[in-house]
Amino acid sequence: MKLLYYGGGILLVLALVACSLGPVDVTGDQSLVSRAVTTVTATSSNRYPSATIDSDGDGQVNWVIEPNLWNVVGGSGSVTMTFDDAEGFDLDVQIDLSNIQQEDPSGWVHAYPEIWYGIKIWNTVGPAQDGPVPLPRKLSELNDFYTTVDFSIQRLDPELPFNFPFETWLTRDTSRGRDVRSDEVEIMVWFNYYGLQGAGSQVDTLTVPIEVNGQTRDMTFEVWRSDAVGNGGWEYFAFRPTTPVSEGTVRFNWAPFIQRARSLSNRADWENLYFTSVELGTEFGTPDYLNAQLAWHVYDLQLEYTTTPILGGGGGTTPTPTPTPTPTATPTPTPTPTATPTPTPTPSGEYTEITLPFSYDGAGEYYWKTHQFSTDPNDWSRYVNSWNLDLLEINGTDYANVWVAEHQIPAASDGYWYIHYKGSYPWSHVEMK
């Protein structure tokens, strides 16, 4: 989490070592295109060096690396990031700081050394857009995508508080070199941590399928939320796993996290927020823990774009009622069947049988039943998703405004799943695949 924007006028020296080149020093430049080995070192007096990485040698930027000592203004030691793309992806990060003086103790952690793709609102480095995911892009126009990371963490000080999260910023525009504002959103997805929790308070949990070391498993995340973070007062979400992943290969998709944050947000008009970046790094330390020794390594980092809207349901609508709701587009790739009639209200206890796939938009209270939910624990293509609902009770459990795989829903009763729908707005929505 970065609270201060990038400062200009910093002396930067980067060492670039390539097979055909000797060491090259660049002074007064904020970034350097990688050819083989790029090393960036930050200290309390040089907090914001960076380097752009052209992994495939096509002249376009794939990644940016930044030590990003945003909350360190004094102390000794350094953070060094070394990227070696001579034989593939290889990022090494060495953190060795002592007697740290924080700029703002309310920011809690010291820094966020990171590698990122897309654009970063806080500065004008990059952008890094040579990849399969078109960032930045409005959520209403963005498809879901997968991120895969192969990593290890060396806890040189086993008591150091730290985390290892992905992060993005959802912003109203793509202007750069500015603070994040109060109507914008920060989202973090943690995979490892010790001694840190999210800002604000825990407001929910989320269980989603995550591929870890080639095996898909359900992972449960605590959902932490703060209504106002930093000088800009933006909204903050952190998804912290109940069981951290200490090392290995993790593959996940962003849609469940974006959709759950949206369902809990009090910021309006999410479909017009820009998903700006994919960032990966470590926060570490506290106002009382002022020495930091930590190392981490990324052996691979990949993005995979899909054809499924990241908001679900073709982009959906704003969670805050507006006088003129945005209509919901037809979900893809599975169309809503034309044979399913528009439901009519039914008295409590009388359930109308429906056929899947099924979707409905609108206000009212309805009772449906189906025998067609998937019970295959490996089937994540069959799901229930909803937004702007007051209630979506299925066999006694409320799934309003969340994404859930059908096999995660309580077992059928008398061969059926009984569904109680209640919505207050014309743009209340449910879909069952």
Foldseek 3Di string as FASTA:
>chain_A
DAFAFDDPDAWFWKWAPDPVDHTDTDTRDQEEEHDFKIKGKADLRRAWHKYFYDLVPPPAGAKMWTFFQRFFNDWDDIWMWMFGNPPHTKIKIWDWTFPTDTPDQVVFFGGWGKMKAFDDQRAGPHHRQPADFHPFDFLLPGFKKKKKWFKAKDQPPVQWWKWKKKKWKWALDRHHNDGGALLIEIEIETQDTDPDDDPAAFDDKDWDWKQFQNDTDIWIWTWHWDNADHPRGYIYIYTHTPDHDRGGMIMDMCLQRVQVCQQVDPRKDRSSIIGGMIMITMTIGGPVGGTGTMMMMIRDMHMGGDDWRSNHQSRAWIQDDDPDTDDGHAGPDDGADPPWDADDADPPPDADETDPFHKDFAADKHKYKYLDADQPPVDQVWKKAWGQWPFWAKPHDTPHSGIDHSNVDDDADVSMIMIITGHDGRRTMMTTD
